N, C-alpha and C. Protein backbone atom coordinates (compact mmCIF):
# COMPACT_ATOMS: atom_id res chain seq x y z
N UNK A 1 41.33 94.27 156.19
CA UNK A 1 40.08 94.40 155.12
C UNK A 1 39.85 92.86 155.12
N UNK A 2 38.59 92.38 155.78
CA UNK A 2 38.01 91.10 155.34
C UNK A 2 37.83 91.03 153.70
N UNK A 3 37.79 89.54 152.86
CA UNK A 3 37.47 89.26 151.78
C UNK A 3 36.08 89.76 151.28
N UNK A 4 35.69 89.89 150.23
CA UNK A 4 34.37 90.41 150.03
C UNK A 4 33.45 88.69 149.89
N UNK A 5 34.46 87.74 149.34
CA UNK A 5 33.62 86.32 149.21
C UNK A 5 33.87 85.73 150.42
N UNK A 6 34.06 86.10 151.23
CA UNK A 6 34.25 85.50 152.90
C UNK A 6 32.80 86.45 153.34
N UNK A 7 32.34 87.33 153.26
CA UNK A 7 31.45 88.31 153.80
C UNK A 7 30.31 87.75 152.82
N UNK A 8 30.31 88.34 151.80
CA UNK A 8 29.02 87.32 150.71
C UNK A 8 28.98 85.97 150.43
N UNK A 9 27.93 85.50 150.44
CA UNK A 9 27.59 83.83 150.08
C UNK A 9 27.15 84.03 148.97
N UNK A 10 27.78 84.22 147.85
CA UNK A 10 27.29 84.44 146.16
C UNK A 10 26.18 83.43 146.08
N UNK A 11 26.12 82.28 146.76
CA UNK A 11 25.24 81.07 146.35
C UNK A 11 23.70 81.38 147.10
N UNK A 12 23.80 82.00 147.28
CA UNK A 12 22.37 82.88 148.41
C UNK A 12 21.48 83.23 147.18
N UNK A 13 20.39 83.46 147.41
CA UNK A 13 19.20 83.63 146.40
C UNK A 13 19.83 85.32 146.24
N UNK A 14 19.73 85.69 145.24
CA UNK A 14 19.72 87.26 144.26
C UNK A 14 19.46 88.28 144.88
N UNK A 15 18.22 88.06 145.69
CA UNK A 15 17.37 89.41 146.24
C UNK A 15 17.98 89.25 147.82
N UNK A 16 19.08 88.26 148.36
CA UNK A 16 19.54 88.37 149.51
C UNK A 16 21.04 88.69 149.41
N UNK A 17 21.73 88.45 147.97
CA UNK A 17 23.31 89.08 148.04
C UNK A 17 23.00 90.57 147.43
N UNK A 18 21.93 90.75 146.67
CA UNK A 18 21.48 92.01 146.62
C UNK A 18 21.93 93.45 147.06
N UNK A 19 21.06 93.15 148.28
CA UNK A 19 21.69 94.57 149.15
C UNK A 19 22.82 94.55 149.42
N UNK A 20 23.83 93.57 150.13
CA UNK A 20 24.84 93.17 150.56
C UNK A 20 25.69 93.98 149.72
N UNK A 21 25.78 93.79 148.17
CA UNK A 21 26.88 94.66 147.27
C UNK A 21 26.74 96.22 147.28
N UNK A 22 25.58 96.75 147.71
CA UNK A 22 25.39 97.80 148.18
C UNK A 22 26.54 98.69 148.56
N UNK A 23 27.39 99.70 148.35
CA UNK A 23 28.37 99.91 149.55
C UNK A 23 29.84 99.13 148.94
N UNK A 24 29.84 98.11 147.71
CA UNK A 24 30.78 97.21 147.79
C UNK A 24 31.66 98.14 147.05
N UNK A 25 33.01 97.71 146.88
CA UNK A 25 33.31 98.47 145.75
C UNK A 25 33.83 97.59 144.49
N UNK A 26 33.86 98.18 143.42
CA UNK A 26 34.25 97.46 142.05
C UNK A 26 35.00 97.88 141.05
N UNK A 27 35.69 97.45 140.49
CA UNK A 27 36.80 97.88 139.86
C UNK A 27 37.00 96.86 138.60
N UNK A 28 37.46 97.58 137.42
CA UNK A 28 37.68 96.85 136.36
C UNK A 28 39.02 97.33 135.65
N UNK A 29 40.15 96.87 135.90
CA UNK A 29 41.36 97.21 135.50
C UNK A 29 41.52 98.46 136.34
N UNK A 30 41.26 98.47 137.60
CA UNK A 30 41.58 99.88 138.40
C UNK A 30 40.19 100.83 138.27
N UNK A 31 39.80 100.96 137.45
CA UNK A 31 38.33 102.13 137.41
C UNK A 31 37.07 101.34 137.65
N UNK A 32 36.38 102.25 138.62
CA UNK A 32 35.28 101.99 138.79
C UNK A 32 35.09 102.73 140.62
N UNK A 33 34.43 101.55 141.61
CA UNK A 33 34.09 103.05 142.75
C UNK A 33 33.15 102.03 143.49
N UNK A 34 32.00 102.95 144.03
CA UNK A 34 31.46 102.20 144.94
C UNK A 34 29.75 101.75 144.53
N UNK A 35 29.71 100.76 144.70
CA UNK A 35 28.00 100.06 143.90
C UNK A 35 26.98 100.96 144.93
N UNK A 36 25.88 101.72 144.05
CA UNK A 36 25.20 102.66 145.07
C UNK A 36 23.88 102.08 144.23
N UNK A 37 23.77 101.13 143.31
CA UNK A 37 22.20 100.36 142.68
C UNK A 37 22.22 98.97 142.18
N UNK A 38 21.81 98.59 142.61
CA UNK A 38 21.70 97.00 142.06
C UNK A 38 20.00 96.55 141.83
N UNK A 39 19.72 95.69 140.67
CA UNK A 39 18.55 95.01 140.67
C UNK A 39 18.86 93.09 140.95
N UNK A 40 17.89 92.77 141.96
CA UNK A 40 17.81 91.01 141.55
C UNK A 40 16.90 90.15 140.67
N UNK A 41 17.28 89.38 140.24
CA UNK A 41 16.81 88.35 139.36
C UNK A 41 16.78 87.18 139.67
N UNK A 42 15.99 86.40 139.32
CA UNK A 42 15.64 84.85 139.65
C UNK A 42 14.71 84.40 138.37
N UNK A 43 15.12 83.21 138.65
CA UNK A 43 14.55 82.12 137.38
C UNK A 43 13.48 82.15 137.28
N UNK A 44 12.49 82.33 138.21
CA UNK A 44 11.15 81.99 138.93
C UNK A 44 10.31 83.28 138.69
N UNK A 45 11.41 84.04 138.13
CA UNK A 45 10.17 85.53 138.13
C UNK A 45 10.41 86.07 136.40
N UNK A 46 9.30 86.46 135.76
CA UNK A 46 9.70 86.33 133.91
C UNK A 46 10.49 87.10 133.72
N UNK A 47 10.74 88.58 134.44
CA UNK A 47 11.55 89.37 133.72
C UNK A 47 13.11 89.09 134.01
N UNK A 48 13.32 87.65 134.34
CA UNK A 48 14.63 87.59 134.29
C UNK A 48 15.08 87.06 133.31
N UNK A 49 16.09 87.03 132.26
CA UNK A 49 16.99 86.28 131.48
C UNK A 49 16.69 84.68 131.46
N UNK A 50 16.48 84.35 132.94
CA UNK A 50 16.70 83.13 132.42
C UNK A 50 15.36 82.67 132.86
N UNK A 51 14.36 83.28 133.05
CA UNK A 51 12.80 82.42 133.07
C UNK A 51 12.49 81.18 132.40
N UNK A 52 12.89 81.32 131.01
CA UNK A 52 12.50 80.06 129.75
C UNK A 52 13.61 79.01 130.00
N UNK A 53 14.54 79.18 130.87
CA UNK A 53 15.51 77.97 130.84
C UNK A 53 17.04 78.47 130.13
N UNK A 54 17.95 77.68 130.34
CA UNK A 54 19.18 78.22 130.15
C UNK A 54 19.01 78.24 128.31
N UNK A 55 19.77 79.10 127.93
CA UNK A 55 20.23 78.87 125.87
C UNK A 55 21.58 79.89 126.24
N UNK A 56 22.24 79.68 125.57
CA UNK A 56 23.35 80.18 124.42
C UNK A 56 23.61 81.63 125.28
N UNK A 57 22.88 81.87 124.80
CA UNK A 57 23.29 83.64 125.73
C UNK A 57 23.23 84.21 127.54
N UNK A 58 22.26 83.21 127.94
CA UNK A 58 22.39 83.25 129.36
C UNK A 58 23.23 82.14 129.76
N UNK A 59 23.09 81.12 129.33
CA UNK A 59 24.02 79.80 130.10
C UNK A 59 25.36 80.21 131.20
N UNK A 60 25.90 81.36 131.44
CA UNK A 60 26.62 81.83 132.38
C UNK A 60 26.18 82.43 133.51
N UNK A 61 24.81 82.41 133.49
CA UNK A 61 23.97 82.91 134.62
C UNK A 61 23.74 81.67 135.71
N UNK A 62 23.84 80.60 134.83
CA UNK A 62 23.35 79.05 135.68
C UNK A 62 24.50 79.14 136.63
N UNK A 63 25.17 79.78 136.68
CA UNK A 63 26.24 79.10 137.14
C UNK A 63 27.80 78.73 137.05
N UNK A 64 28.63 78.84 138.18
CA UNK A 64 28.85 78.65 139.35
C UNK A 64 28.67 80.04 139.82
N UNK A 65 27.79 80.50 140.71
CA UNK A 65 27.88 81.86 141.33
C UNK A 65 29.06 81.96 141.70
N UNK A 66 29.46 83.83 141.83
CA UNK A 66 30.61 84.21 142.11
C UNK A 66 30.78 84.83 140.77
N UNK A 67 30.33 84.61 139.40
CA UNK A 67 30.82 85.04 138.57
C UNK A 67 30.09 85.94 137.58
N UNK A 68 30.54 86.73 136.20
CA UNK A 68 30.18 87.74 135.87
C UNK A 68 28.99 87.16 134.64
N UNK A 69 27.91 87.99 134.63
CA UNK A 69 27.23 87.72 133.53
C UNK A 69 27.06 88.74 132.35
N UNK A 70 27.21 88.80 131.34
CA UNK A 70 27.60 90.22 130.50
C UNK A 70 26.49 90.20 129.58
N UNK A 71 25.87 90.99 129.14
CA UNK A 71 24.80 90.55 127.86
C UNK A 71 24.47 91.94 127.53
N UNK A 72 24.40 92.29 126.00
CA UNK A 72 24.25 93.09 125.34
C UNK A 72 22.85 93.72 125.40
N UNK A 73 22.24 94.57 126.14
CA UNK A 73 20.75 95.45 125.95
C UNK A 73 20.49 96.21 124.78
N UNK A 74 19.61 95.90 124.10
CA UNK A 74 18.97 96.73 123.26
C UNK A 74 20.06 97.03 121.63
N UNK A 75 20.99 95.97 122.09
CA UNK A 75 22.31 95.90 121.06
C UNK A 75 22.94 97.03 120.95
N UNK A 76 23.01 97.13 122.10
CA UNK A 76 23.89 98.47 122.31
C UNK A 76 25.13 98.87 123.35
N UNK A 77 24.45 98.11 124.31
CA UNK A 77 25.37 98.14 125.43
C UNK A 77 25.66 96.91 126.40
N UNK A 78 27.02 96.90 127.04
CA UNK A 78 26.89 95.38 127.66
C UNK A 78 26.43 95.84 129.30
N UNK A 79 25.87 94.97 129.50
CA UNK A 79 25.58 95.03 131.18
C UNK A 79 26.07 93.83 132.39
N UNK A 80 26.34 94.16 133.14
CA UNK A 80 27.10 93.17 133.68
C UNK A 80 25.90 93.13 135.10
N UNK A 81 25.98 91.85 134.86
CA UNK A 81 25.36 91.05 136.15
C UNK A 81 26.13 90.01 137.17
N UNK A 82 26.06 89.79 138.35
CA UNK A 82 26.92 89.06 139.50
C UNK A 82 25.86 88.02 139.91
N UNK A 83 26.48 86.80 139.09
CA UNK A 83 25.64 85.91 139.09
C UNK A 83 25.65 85.37 140.62
N UNK A 84 23.95 84.35 141.15
CA UNK A 84 24.18 84.21 142.55
C UNK A 84 23.52 82.62 142.60
N UNK A 85 22.66 82.23 143.45
CA UNK A 85 22.37 81.53 143.75
C UNK A 85 22.66 79.80 143.67
N UNK A 86 22.37 78.76 143.76
CA UNK A 86 23.25 77.50 143.56
C UNK A 86 23.51 77.69 141.70
N UNK A 87 24.50 76.58 141.72
CA UNK A 87 24.57 76.45 140.10
C UNK A 87 23.92 75.78 140.02
N UNK A 88 23.05 76.20 138.71
CA UNK A 88 21.99 75.30 137.82
C UNK A 88 20.78 76.21 138.35
N UNK A 89 20.66 77.40 138.87
CA UNK A 89 19.42 77.76 139.40
C UNK A 89 18.86 79.01 138.41
N UNK A 90 20.00 80.03 137.76
CA UNK A 90 19.50 81.27 137.02
C UNK A 90 19.12 82.32 138.16
N UNK A 91 19.90 82.55 138.12
CA UNK A 91 20.38 84.31 138.97
C UNK A 91 20.88 85.46 139.05
N UNK A 92 20.57 86.37 138.78
CA UNK A 92 21.76 86.84 139.09
C UNK A 92 21.38 88.58 139.29
N UNK A 93 22.19 89.49 140.26
CA UNK A 93 22.28 90.86 140.34
C UNK A 93 22.61 91.43 139.14
N UNK A 94 21.68 92.26 139.02
CA UNK A 94 22.18 93.63 137.63
C UNK A 94 23.31 94.65 138.48
N UNK A 95 24.09 95.16 138.19
CA UNK A 95 24.93 96.30 138.42
C UNK A 95 24.41 97.68 138.01
N UNK A 96 23.11 98.30 138.12
CA UNK A 96 22.80 99.97 137.87
C UNK A 96 23.73 100.80 137.78
N UNK A 97 24.29 101.02 138.82
CA UNK A 97 24.91 102.49 138.70
C UNK A 97 26.25 102.08 140.11
N UNK A 98 27.28 102.68 139.74
CA UNK A 98 28.27 103.23 140.55
C UNK A 98 28.44 104.32 140.56
N UNK A 99 28.99 104.61 141.85
CA UNK A 99 29.61 106.23 142.74
C UNK A 99 31.09 106.42 141.64
N UNK A 100 31.75 107.01 141.04
CA UNK A 100 33.50 106.59 140.71
C UNK A 100 33.82 106.92 141.59
N UNK A 101 34.94 106.31 141.75
CA UNK A 101 36.08 106.78 142.90
C UNK A 101 37.59 106.42 142.20
N UNK A 102 37.30 105.83 141.02
CA UNK A 102 39.16 105.67 140.38
C UNK A 102 38.86 105.62 139.23
N UNK A 103 39.82 106.48 138.64
CA UNK A 103 39.81 106.42 136.97
C UNK A 103 38.71 107.56 136.23
N UNK A 104 38.50 108.61 136.57
CA UNK A 104 37.62 109.78 136.49
C UNK A 104 37.76 109.94 134.99
N UNK A 105 38.98 109.97 134.70
CA UNK A 105 39.62 110.48 133.28
C UNK A 105 39.64 109.44 132.22
N UNK A 106 39.38 108.55 132.33
CA UNK A 106 39.38 107.50 132.00
C UNK A 106 37.71 106.97 131.71
N UNK A 107 36.95 107.05 132.35
CA UNK A 107 35.20 106.92 132.16
C UNK A 107 34.80 108.13 131.59
N UNK A 108 35.57 109.59 131.77
CA UNK A 108 35.32 110.37 131.30
C UNK A 108 35.43 110.51 129.68
N UNK A 109 36.68 110.24 129.01
CA UNK A 109 36.75 109.85 127.77
C UNK A 109 36.29 108.27 127.14
N UNK A 110 35.50 107.28 127.79
CA UNK A 110 35.15 106.36 127.22
C UNK A 110 33.57 106.79 126.90
N UNK A 111 32.89 107.65 127.75
CA UNK A 111 31.64 108.14 127.95
C UNK A 111 31.19 109.19 127.44
N UNK A 112 32.45 109.84 126.85
CA UNK A 112 32.06 111.22 126.42
C UNK A 112 31.52 112.41 127.05
N UNK A 113 31.62 112.27 128.56
CA UNK A 113 30.64 113.17 129.62
C UNK A 113 31.68 113.69 130.43
N UNK A 114 31.17 114.70 130.73
CA UNK A 114 32.26 115.19 131.82
C UNK A 114 31.57 115.51 133.00
N UNK A 115 30.47 115.14 133.21
CA UNK A 115 29.88 115.54 134.85
C UNK A 115 30.08 114.20 135.37
N UNK A 116 30.26 113.82 136.51
CA UNK A 116 30.72 113.25 137.23
C UNK A 116 29.48 111.90 137.70
N UNK A 117 28.25 112.65 137.82
CA UNK A 117 27.08 112.18 138.08
C UNK A 117 26.29 110.87 137.22
N UNK A 118 27.19 111.16 135.71
CA UNK A 118 26.47 110.98 134.50
C UNK A 118 27.50 109.44 134.08
N UNK A 119 28.56 109.50 134.78
CA UNK A 119 29.44 108.64 133.89
C UNK A 119 28.95 106.96 134.60
N UNK A 120 28.65 106.41 135.44
CA UNK A 120 28.09 105.27 135.51
C UNK A 120 26.82 105.11 136.15
N UNK A 121 25.63 106.36 136.00
CA UNK A 121 24.18 105.99 136.69
C UNK A 121 23.20 105.32 135.53
N UNK A 122 23.51 103.79 135.26
CA UNK A 122 22.56 102.58 134.86
C UNK A 122 23.37 102.49 134.08
N UNK A 123 23.06 100.73 133.58
CA UNK A 123 23.98 99.62 133.55
C UNK A 123 24.05 99.22 132.56
N UNK A 124 23.93 100.31 131.10
CA UNK A 124 24.66 100.55 129.88
C UNK A 124 25.82 101.30 129.81
N UNK A 125 25.63 102.42 131.05
CA UNK A 125 26.71 103.64 131.53
C UNK A 125 27.28 102.97 132.37
N UNK A 126 27.73 101.98 133.02
CA UNK A 126 28.11 101.24 133.92
C UNK A 126 29.45 100.04 132.81
N UNK A 127 28.64 100.04 132.24
CA UNK A 127 29.29 98.99 130.69
C UNK A 127 30.15 99.80 130.05
N UNK A 128 29.49 100.70 129.91
CA UNK A 128 30.71 101.94 128.92
C UNK A 128 31.72 102.01 129.33
N UNK A 129 31.47 102.40 130.83
CA UNK A 129 32.48 103.33 131.63
C UNK A 129 33.81 102.90 132.45
N UNK A 130 33.02 101.37 132.23
CA UNK A 130 34.13 100.34 132.63
C UNK A 130 34.74 99.14 131.61
N UNK A 131 34.03 99.43 130.53
CA UNK A 131 34.75 99.00 129.59
C UNK A 131 34.42 97.30 129.56
N UNK A 132 33.23 96.96 129.94
CA UNK A 132 32.68 95.72 130.38
C UNK A 132 32.44 95.50 128.66
N UNK A 133 33.00 93.92 128.24
CA UNK A 133 32.42 93.48 127.16
C UNK A 133 32.46 92.14 127.07
N UNK A 134 31.78 91.56 126.26
CA UNK A 134 31.37 90.11 126.17
C UNK A 134 32.66 89.28 126.81
N UNK A 135 33.72 89.62 126.17
CA UNK A 135 34.77 88.64 126.88
C UNK A 135 35.05 88.12 128.09
N UNK A 136 34.36 88.99 129.10
CA UNK A 136 33.95 88.76 130.69
C UNK A 136 33.17 88.04 131.06
N UNK A 137 32.31 87.09 130.24
CA UNK A 137 31.25 86.52 130.36
C UNK A 137 31.65 85.32 131.27
N UNK A 138 31.55 84.60 132.38
CA UNK A 138 31.74 83.82 132.70
C UNK A 138 33.23 83.87 133.62
N UNK A 139 33.15 84.75 133.46
CA UNK A 139 34.78 85.34 134.55
C UNK A 139 34.79 85.13 135.85
N UNK A 140 35.17 84.32 136.76
CA UNK A 140 34.79 84.81 137.98
C UNK A 140 35.22 86.10 138.57
N UNK A 141 34.14 86.78 139.63
CA UNK A 141 34.71 87.88 140.22
C UNK A 141 35.63 88.35 140.75
N UNK A 142 36.30 87.36 141.07
CA UNK A 142 37.71 87.33 142.05
C UNK A 142 39.05 87.01 141.06
N UNK A 143 38.84 87.14 139.52
CA UNK A 143 40.02 86.61 138.80
C UNK A 143 39.99 88.11 138.15
N UNK A 144 41.00 88.83 137.79
CA UNK A 144 41.21 89.89 136.83
C UNK A 144 40.44 90.01 135.67
N UNK A 145 40.07 90.88 135.00
CA UNK A 145 40.60 92.16 135.60
C UNK A 145 39.45 92.61 136.92
N UNK A 146 38.80 91.76 137.25
CA UNK A 146 38.09 92.44 138.53
C UNK A 146 38.29 92.37 139.46
N UNK A 147 37.94 93.51 140.69
CA UNK A 147 38.17 93.60 141.78
C UNK A 147 37.12 94.21 142.77
N UNK A 148 36.85 93.34 143.09
CA UNK A 148 35.42 93.50 144.66
C UNK A 148 35.95 93.53 145.84
N UNK A 149 35.49 94.74 146.44
CA UNK A 149 36.20 94.97 147.80
C UNK A 149 34.95 95.30 148.58
N UNK A 150 34.93 94.72 149.80
CA UNK A 150 33.97 95.25 150.77
C UNK A 150 33.87 96.65 150.70
N UNK A 151 32.62 97.05 151.27
CA UNK A 151 32.56 98.69 151.80
C UNK A 151 32.73 99.00 152.75
N UNK A 152 33.63 100.32 152.81
CA UNK A 152 34.46 100.77 153.66
C UNK A 152 33.91 101.11 154.92
N UNK A 153 32.52 101.40 154.71
CA UNK A 153 31.57 101.82 156.21
C UNK A 153 30.27 101.13 155.98
N UNK A 154 29.91 101.34 157.11
CA UNK A 154 28.12 100.81 157.23
C UNK A 154 27.77 101.68 155.96
N UNK A 155 26.43 101.50 155.45
CA UNK A 155 25.68 101.99 154.27
C UNK A 155 24.13 101.35 154.71
N UNK A 156 23.34 102.59 154.46
CA UNK A 156 22.17 103.10 154.52
C UNK A 156 21.64 102.58 153.68
N UNK A 157 20.67 100.95 153.03
CA UNK A 157 20.46 100.25 152.01
C UNK A 157 18.65 100.70 151.99
N UNK A 158 18.47 101.25 150.67
CA UNK A 158 17.27 100.82 150.54
C UNK A 158 16.29 100.58 149.42
N UNK A 159 14.90 100.35 149.47
CA UNK A 159 14.78 99.57 148.19
C UNK A 159 13.23 99.52 148.10
N UNK A 160 12.95 98.99 146.59
CA UNK A 160 11.78 99.43 145.68
C UNK A 160 11.55 98.68 144.42
N UNK A 161 10.47 98.83 143.97
CA UNK A 161 10.11 97.98 142.73
C UNK A 161 11.53 98.34 141.67
N UNK A 162 11.31 97.18 140.70
CA UNK A 162 12.71 97.61 139.11
C UNK A 162 12.33 98.19 138.74
N UNK A 163 12.91 98.41 137.98
CA UNK A 163 12.92 99.63 136.93
C UNK A 163 13.35 98.72 135.65
N UNK A 164 12.74 99.63 134.66
CA UNK A 164 12.55 99.19 133.03
C UNK A 164 12.75 97.84 132.66
N UNK A 165 11.93 97.48 132.87
CA UNK A 165 11.01 95.95 132.79
C UNK A 165 9.30 96.03 132.80
N UNK A 166 9.02 95.09 132.05
CA UNK A 166 7.34 94.97 131.83
C UNK A 166 7.26 93.68 132.63
N UNK A 167 7.88 93.21 133.51
CA UNK A 167 7.06 92.00 134.00
C UNK A 167 7.38 92.06 135.39
N UNK A 168 6.86 91.09 136.20
CA UNK A 168 7.23 91.73 137.59
C UNK A 168 7.60 92.75 137.81
N UNK A 169 7.19 93.85 137.50
CA UNK A 169 7.21 94.95 137.83
C UNK A 169 6.82 95.35 139.94
N UNK A 170 6.74 94.38 140.16
CA UNK A 170 5.62 94.58 141.71
C UNK A 170 6.46 94.28 142.61
N UNK A 171 7.99 93.30 142.01
CA UNK A 171 8.67 92.87 143.24
C UNK A 171 10.03 94.02 143.57
N UNK A 172 9.89 94.41 145.46
CA UNK A 172 10.80 95.38 145.28
C UNK A 172 12.72 95.13 145.43
N UNK A 173 12.88 94.62 144.49
CA UNK A 173 13.90 93.73 144.27
C UNK A 173 15.16 94.59 143.80
N UNK A 174 14.88 96.19 143.61
CA UNK A 174 15.42 97.32 143.28
C UNK A 174 16.72 97.48 144.72
N UNK A 175 17.73 97.45 144.78
CA UNK A 175 18.40 98.12 145.82
C UNK A 175 19.70 99.30 145.70
N UNK A 176 19.06 100.39 146.59
CA UNK A 176 20.05 101.70 146.57
C UNK A 176 20.69 102.12 147.78
N UNK A 177 21.57 102.90 147.54
CA UNK A 177 22.22 103.30 148.52
C UNK A 177 21.50 104.70 148.83
N UNK A 178 20.93 104.60 150.05
CA UNK A 178 20.24 105.98 150.69
C UNK A 178 20.86 107.04 149.97
N UNK A 179 20.26 107.93 149.61
CA UNK A 179 20.53 109.26 149.35
C UNK A 179 21.34 109.57 148.25
N UNK A 180 21.72 108.50 147.21
CA UNK A 180 23.08 108.56 146.69
C UNK A 180 22.66 109.47 145.64
N UNK A 181 23.81 110.65 144.68
CA UNK A 181 23.21 111.31 144.14
C UNK A 181 23.47 110.48 142.23
N UNK A 182 24.04 109.20 142.83
CA UNK A 182 24.82 108.68 141.34
C UNK A 182 23.61 107.48 140.95
N UNK A 183 22.63 107.21 141.51
CA UNK A 183 21.22 106.62 141.15
C UNK A 183 21.37 106.63 139.65
N UNK A 184 20.10 106.10 139.34
CA UNK A 184 20.03 105.52 137.58
C UNK A 184 18.77 106.83 137.25
N UNK A 185 18.14 106.25 138.75
CA UNK A 185 16.85 107.33 138.83
C UNK A 185 16.35 107.44 140.28
N UNK A 186 15.91 107.91 140.57
CA UNK A 186 15.40 108.31 141.92
C UNK A 186 14.44 106.99 142.36
N UNK A 187 14.56 106.56 143.44
CA UNK A 187 13.61 105.43 144.18
C UNK A 187 12.23 105.58 144.10
N UNK A 188 11.41 104.95 143.65
CA UNK A 188 10.22 105.29 144.23
C UNK A 188 9.86 103.93 144.54
N UNK A 189 8.50 104.36 145.72
CA UNK A 189 8.32 102.94 146.64
C UNK A 189 6.47 102.35 146.15
């Protein structure tokens, strides 16, 4: 099996990297599964955390590419982005949903839910189920505790507008595994 870092160029624009992540397998300390939903963000558009330039909060999103950008959403959940684009640009891909394949019992305990479909269907749920913590911010995706592997088989990727934002909503930068029941919300066009 080829190394995902030889298949995906994380220094490419985020909206080009994002669809390549659908079907990839992602684990944190052996817990995780198949990435089924992501959203791309870029410094040039106002929904991105980097739109106003570098800050203490978003510094890791400015690179180098192939690293984690971890931030707290609504003061509650840790969310995970994969940093993309050339260093200094400020772009990333938000991991919105994962189909669990390993560590179900651990995820159920962390999330307090038994329904497999709800374990990782949303960025906050992904963070909680995989035990994403701020200490991972800036860490290479090729480094422990992360394990990122290529898709096992070809996948059908669909796309549409991003959700949960109030700016740049028209960009079709939400990418999903077609027909997946593990998405955070059904894809609308």
